[in-house]
């Protein structure tokens, strides 16, 4: 899940993501790298708990960009971003998936 979403940070949709955080292309790069690091960190027992916590914080920190994208009716790959309610639900699903990957739940 995280590697798939991270891949969008460098592909053909990169400019669409940059529009979500205007003039901040380095943020798109950084969040993509953090998603990759988190995805790897979850799989390493010694770092999985910290990776999960950091990923939840990352998703919460990135949420305002999702709000902005929905309110501005931006597109990704030529398609409209999901409405704010749908994006919020997706965020909750992603956060829940990360939490349930914690060692105490696994």
N, C-alpha and C. Protein backbone atom coordinates (compact mmCIF):
# COMPACT_ATOMS: atom_id res chain seq x y z
N UNK A 1 0.82 -1.18 0.00
CA UNK A 1 0.00 0.00 0.00
C UNK A 1 0.88 1.26 0.00
N UNK A 2 1.84 1.30 0.91
CA UNK A 2 2.71 2.48 1.02
C UNK A 2 3.64 2.61 -0.17
N UNK A 3 4.16 1.49 -0.65
CA UNK A 3 5.06 1.56 -1.80
C UNK A 3 4.31 2.01 -3.06
N UNK A 4 3.06 1.59 -3.17
CA UNK A 4 2.25 2.02 -4.32
C UNK A 4 2.00 3.52 -4.26
N UNK A 5 1.59 4.02 -3.10
CA UNK A 5 1.34 5.46 -3.01
C UNK A 5 2.64 6.25 -3.15
N UNK A 6 3.73 5.71 -2.64
CA UNK A 6 5.01 6.41 -2.76
C UNK A 6 5.46 6.51 -4.22
N UNK A 7 5.13 5.52 -5.01
CA UNK A 7 5.57 5.52 -6.41
C UNK A 7 5.01 6.72 -7.18
N UNK A 8 3.85 7.21 -6.77
CA UNK A 8 3.26 8.37 -7.45
C UNK A 8 4.08 9.64 -7.26
N UNK A 9 4.95 9.65 -6.28
CA UNK A 9 5.73 10.85 -5.99
C UNK A 9 6.79 11.13 -7.05
N UNK A 10 7.07 10.16 -7.91
CA UNK A 10 8.08 10.36 -8.95
C UNK A 10 7.57 10.09 -10.36
N UNK A 11 6.43 9.53 -10.51
CA UNK A 11 5.91 9.17 -11.83
C UNK A 11 5.27 10.32 -12.57
N UNK A 12 4.45 9.96 -13.52
CA UNK A 12 3.80 10.96 -14.37
C UNK A 12 2.84 11.86 -13.58
N UNK A 13 2.42 11.42 -12.39
CA UNK A 13 1.49 12.21 -11.59
C UNK A 13 2.20 13.15 -10.61
N UNK A 14 3.52 13.20 -10.66
CA UNK A 14 4.28 14.04 -9.72
C UNK A 14 3.82 15.50 -9.75
N UNK A 15 3.63 16.05 -10.94
CA UNK A 15 3.22 17.45 -11.01
C UNK A 15 1.85 17.67 -10.39
N UNK A 16 0.98 16.66 -10.49
CA UNK A 16 -0.33 16.76 -9.84
C UNK A 16 -0.17 16.80 -8.32
N UNK A 17 0.73 16.00 -7.79
CA UNK A 17 0.95 15.99 -6.35
C UNK A 17 1.59 17.31 -5.89
N UNK A 18 2.48 17.85 -6.70
CA UNK A 18 3.12 19.11 -6.35
C UNK A 18 2.07 20.23 -6.27
N UNK A 19 1.03 20.15 -7.11
CA UNK A 19 -0.02 21.17 -7.05
C UNK A 19 -0.77 21.12 -5.71
N UNK A 20 -0.71 19.97 -5.03
CA UNK A 20 -1.38 19.85 -3.73
C UNK A 20 -0.62 20.62 -2.65
N UNK A 21 0.67 20.82 -2.85
CA UNK A 21 1.51 21.60 -1.92
C UNK A 21 2.31 22.60 -2.76
N UNK A 22 1.66 23.67 -3.18
CA UNK A 22 2.28 24.59 -4.15
C UNK A 22 3.71 24.99 -3.82
N UNK A 23 4.52 24.98 -4.89
CA UNK A 23 5.93 25.38 -4.83
C UNK A 23 6.72 24.58 -3.81
N UNK A 24 6.34 23.39 -3.58
CA UNK A 24 7.00 22.57 -2.57
C UNK A 24 7.32 21.18 -3.13
N UNK A 25 7.96 21.13 -4.30
CA UNK A 25 8.25 19.83 -4.89
C UNK A 25 9.15 18.97 -4.01
N UNK A 26 9.97 19.61 -3.18
CA UNK A 26 10.84 18.85 -2.28
C UNK A 26 10.00 18.11 -1.23
N UNK A 27 8.84 18.66 -0.88
CA UNK A 27 7.96 17.98 0.09
C UNK A 27 7.42 16.70 -0.53
N UNK A 28 7.06 16.73 -1.79
CA UNK A 28 6.57 15.54 -2.47
C UNK A 28 7.65 14.46 -2.47
N UNK A 29 8.88 14.87 -2.76
CA UNK A 29 10.00 13.92 -2.74
C UNK A 29 10.22 13.37 -1.33
N UNK A 30 10.24 14.24 -0.35
CA UNK A 30 10.49 13.82 1.04
C UNK A 30 9.40 12.88 1.54
N UNK A 31 8.13 13.20 1.28
CA UNK A 31 7.07 12.32 1.77
C UNK A 31 7.10 10.96 1.07
N UNK A 32 7.46 10.96 -0.19
CA UNK A 32 7.61 9.68 -0.89
C UNK A 32 8.71 8.82 -0.28
N UNK A 33 9.85 9.45 0.00
CA UNK A 33 10.96 8.72 0.63
C UNK A 33 10.57 8.23 2.03
N UNK A 34 9.84 9.06 2.77
CA UNK A 34 9.41 8.64 4.11
C UNK A 34 8.42 7.48 4.05
N UNK A 35 7.55 7.47 3.04
CA UNK A 35 6.63 6.35 2.87
C UNK A 35 7.40 5.06 2.57
N UNK A 36 8.40 5.16 1.72
CA UNK A 36 9.22 3.98 1.40
C UNK A 36 9.97 3.50 2.64
N UNK A 37 10.58 4.43 3.35
CA UNK A 37 11.31 4.06 4.57
C UNK A 37 10.36 3.41 5.58
N UNK A 38 9.17 3.96 5.72
CA UNK A 38 8.19 3.40 6.64
C UNK A 38 7.74 2.01 6.23
N UNK A 39 7.52 1.81 4.93
CA UNK A 39 7.12 0.49 4.44
C UNK A 39 8.20 -0.55 4.73
N UNK A 40 9.44 -0.17 4.56
CA UNK A 40 10.56 -1.07 4.87
C UNK A 40 10.65 -1.26 6.38
N UNK A 41 10.53 -0.16 7.13
CA UNK A 41 10.63 -0.22 8.58
C UNK A 41 9.60 -1.11 9.23
N UNK A 42 8.40 -1.15 8.67
CA UNK A 42 7.34 -2.02 9.21
C UNK A 42 7.76 -3.49 9.14
N UNK A 43 8.51 -3.85 8.13
CA UNK A 43 8.88 -5.25 7.93
C UNK A 43 10.05 -5.71 8.80
N UNK A 44 10.73 -4.79 9.43
CA UNK A 44 11.89 -5.12 10.27
C UNK A 44 11.42 -5.11 11.72
N UNK A 45 11.42 -6.27 12.38
CA UNK A 45 10.88 -6.33 13.75
C UNK A 45 11.44 -5.28 14.71
N UNK A 46 12.72 -4.99 14.63
CA UNK A 46 13.33 -4.03 15.55
C UNK A 46 12.84 -2.59 15.33
N UNK A 47 12.32 -2.29 14.15
CA UNK A 47 11.89 -0.93 13.85
C UNK A 47 10.40 -0.81 13.55
N UNK A 48 9.68 -1.93 13.57
CA UNK A 48 8.28 -1.90 13.12
C UNK A 48 7.40 -0.98 13.95
N UNK A 49 7.56 -0.98 15.26
CA UNK A 49 6.72 -0.12 16.11
C UNK A 49 6.98 1.36 15.80
N UNK A 50 8.25 1.74 15.76
CA UNK A 50 8.61 3.13 15.47
C UNK A 50 8.14 3.52 14.07
N UNK A 51 8.31 2.63 13.11
CA UNK A 51 7.88 2.91 11.74
C UNK A 51 6.37 3.14 11.69
N UNK A 52 5.62 2.32 12.40
CA UNK A 52 4.16 2.48 12.42
C UNK A 52 3.76 3.83 13.00
N UNK A 53 4.34 4.17 14.12
CA UNK A 53 4.03 5.46 14.76
C UNK A 53 4.39 6.61 13.82
N UNK A 54 5.56 6.55 13.22
CA UNK A 54 6.00 7.62 12.32
C UNK A 54 5.10 7.71 11.09
N UNK A 55 4.67 6.58 10.56
CA UNK A 55 3.79 6.61 9.40
C UNK A 55 2.43 7.21 9.72
N UNK A 56 1.89 6.89 10.88
CA UNK A 56 0.62 7.49 11.28
C UNK A 56 0.77 9.00 11.40
N UNK A 57 1.86 9.44 12.01
CA UNK A 57 2.12 10.89 12.13
C UNK A 57 2.28 11.50 10.73
N UNK A 58 2.97 10.82 9.84
CA UNK A 58 3.17 11.31 8.48
C UNK A 58 1.82 11.47 7.77
N UNK A 59 0.97 10.46 7.86
CA UNK A 59 -0.33 10.54 7.19
C UNK A 59 -1.18 11.68 7.75
N UNK A 60 -1.12 11.88 9.05
CA UNK A 60 -1.86 12.99 9.65
C UNK A 60 -1.28 14.33 9.17
N UNK A 61 0.04 14.41 9.09
CA UNK A 61 0.69 15.65 8.63
C UNK A 61 0.39 15.93 7.16
N UNK A 62 0.20 14.89 6.37
CA UNK A 62 -0.07 15.06 4.94
C UNK A 62 -1.54 15.33 4.65
N UNK A 63 -2.40 15.10 5.61
CA UNK A 63 -3.84 15.23 5.37
C UNK A 63 -4.26 16.63 4.90
N UNK A 64 -3.68 17.72 5.41
CA UNK A 64 -4.09 19.04 4.90
C UNK A 64 -3.91 19.17 3.38
N UNK A 65 -2.93 18.51 2.81
CA UNK A 65 -2.76 18.55 1.36
C UNK A 65 -3.94 17.86 0.67
N UNK A 66 -4.46 16.81 1.29
CA UNK A 66 -5.64 16.14 0.74
C UNK A 66 -6.87 17.04 0.82
N UNK A 67 -7.00 17.76 1.92
CA UNK A 67 -8.10 18.71 2.07
C UNK A 67 -8.00 19.79 0.99
N UNK A 68 -6.80 20.33 0.83
CA UNK A 68 -6.57 21.36 -0.18
C UNK A 68 -6.92 20.84 -1.58
N UNK A 69 -6.46 19.63 -1.90
CA UNK A 69 -6.71 19.06 -3.22
C UNK A 69 -8.21 18.89 -3.47
N UNK A 70 -8.93 18.44 -2.46
CA UNK A 70 -10.37 18.24 -2.62
C UNK A 70 -11.09 19.58 -2.77
N UNK A 71 -10.72 20.55 -1.96
CA UNK A 71 -11.39 21.86 -2.01
C UNK A 71 -11.09 22.60 -3.31
N UNK A 72 -9.87 22.43 -3.83
CA UNK A 72 -9.48 23.10 -5.08
C UNK A 72 -9.89 22.30 -6.31
N UNK A 73 -10.47 21.12 -6.09
CA UNK A 73 -10.90 20.23 -7.19
C UNK A 73 -9.75 19.93 -8.15
N UNK A 74 -8.60 19.57 -7.56
CA UNK A 74 -7.43 19.24 -8.36
C UNK A 74 -7.61 17.88 -9.01
N UNK A 75 -6.71 17.56 -9.91
CA UNK A 75 -6.74 16.26 -10.58
C UNK A 75 -5.41 15.55 -10.35
N UNK A 76 -5.46 14.24 -10.42
CA UNK A 76 -4.25 13.41 -10.42
C UNK A 76 -4.38 12.47 -11.60
N UNK A 77 -3.43 12.56 -12.49
CA UNK A 77 -3.48 11.74 -13.69
C UNK A 77 -4.67 12.08 -14.57
N UNK A 78 -5.10 13.34 -14.52
CA UNK A 78 -6.22 13.77 -15.34
C UNK A 78 -7.59 13.45 -14.75
N UNK A 79 -7.59 12.76 -13.64
CA UNK A 79 -8.87 12.43 -12.99
C UNK A 79 -9.03 13.26 -11.72
N UNK A 80 -10.26 13.67 -11.41
CA UNK A 80 -10.45 14.47 -10.19
C UNK A 80 -10.06 13.67 -8.95
N UNK A 81 -9.48 14.37 -7.98
CA UNK A 81 -9.17 13.70 -6.71
C UNK A 81 -10.50 13.35 -6.05
N UNK A 82 -10.50 12.30 -5.22
CA UNK A 82 -11.75 11.96 -4.54
C UNK A 82 -12.24 13.12 -3.67
N UNK A 83 -13.54 13.15 -3.48
CA UNK A 83 -14.14 14.17 -2.60
C UNK A 83 -13.57 14.04 -1.20
N UNK A 84 -13.68 15.11 -0.42
CA UNK A 84 -13.08 15.15 0.90
C UNK A 84 -13.55 14.01 1.79
N UNK A 85 -14.82 13.67 1.75
CA UNK A 85 -15.33 12.58 2.59
C UNK A 85 -14.64 11.26 2.23
N UNK A 86 -14.51 10.99 0.95
CA UNK A 86 -13.86 9.76 0.49
C UNK A 86 -12.39 9.77 0.87
N UNK A 87 -11.72 10.91 0.68
CA UNK A 87 -10.29 11.01 1.04
C UNK A 87 -10.12 10.81 2.54
N UNK A 88 -11.05 11.33 3.32
CA UNK A 88 -10.98 11.15 4.78
C UNK A 88 -11.13 9.68 5.14
N UNK A 89 -12.07 9.00 4.51
CA UNK A 89 -12.25 7.57 4.77
C UNK A 89 -11.00 6.78 4.37
N UNK A 90 -10.43 7.12 3.24
CA UNK A 90 -9.20 6.45 2.80
C UNK A 90 -8.08 6.66 3.81
N UNK A 91 -7.99 7.86 4.33
CA UNK A 91 -6.96 8.16 5.33
C UNK A 91 -7.15 7.30 6.57
N UNK A 92 -8.41 7.17 7.01
CA UNK A 92 -8.71 6.34 8.17
C UNK A 92 -8.35 4.88 7.89
N UNK A 93 -8.66 4.40 6.70
CA UNK A 93 -8.33 3.01 6.32
C UNK A 93 -6.82 2.82 6.33
N UNK A 94 -6.06 3.76 5.75
CA UNK A 94 -4.61 3.65 5.73
C UNK A 94 -4.04 3.64 7.15
N UNK A 95 -4.53 4.54 7.98
CA UNK A 95 -4.04 4.62 9.36
C UNK A 95 -4.39 3.34 10.11
N UNK A 96 -5.60 2.83 9.91
CA UNK A 96 -6.00 1.58 10.58
C UNK A 96 -5.13 0.42 10.12
N UNK A 97 -4.84 0.36 8.82
CA UNK A 97 -3.99 -0.72 8.31
C UNK A 97 -2.60 -0.66 8.93
N UNK A 98 -2.08 0.55 9.10
CA UNK A 98 -0.77 0.70 9.72
C UNK A 98 -0.82 0.28 11.18
N UNK A 99 -1.84 0.72 11.89
CA UNK A 99 -1.96 0.37 13.31
C UNK A 99 -2.10 -1.13 13.49
N UNK A 100 -2.89 -1.77 12.64
CA UNK A 100 -3.07 -3.22 12.76
C UNK A 100 -1.85 -4.01 12.30
N UNK A 101 -0.87 -3.33 11.72
CA UNK A 101 0.37 -4.02 11.37
C UNK A 101 1.36 -3.98 12.55
N UNK A 102 1.00 -3.24 13.60
CA UNK A 102 1.86 -3.20 14.79
C UNK A 102 2.05 -4.61 15.34
N UNK A 103 3.23 -4.89 15.87
CA UNK A 103 3.50 -6.23 16.39
C UNK A 103 2.46 -6.72 17.41
N UNK A 104 1.94 -5.83 18.23
CA UNK A 104 0.98 -6.26 19.24
C UNK A 104 -0.33 -6.73 18.64
N UNK A 105 -0.61 -6.34 17.38
CA UNK A 105 -1.83 -6.78 16.71
C UNK A 105 -1.58 -7.91 15.75
N UNK A 106 -0.32 -8.10 15.36
CA UNK A 106 0.03 -9.08 14.32
C UNK A 106 0.09 -10.42 14.80
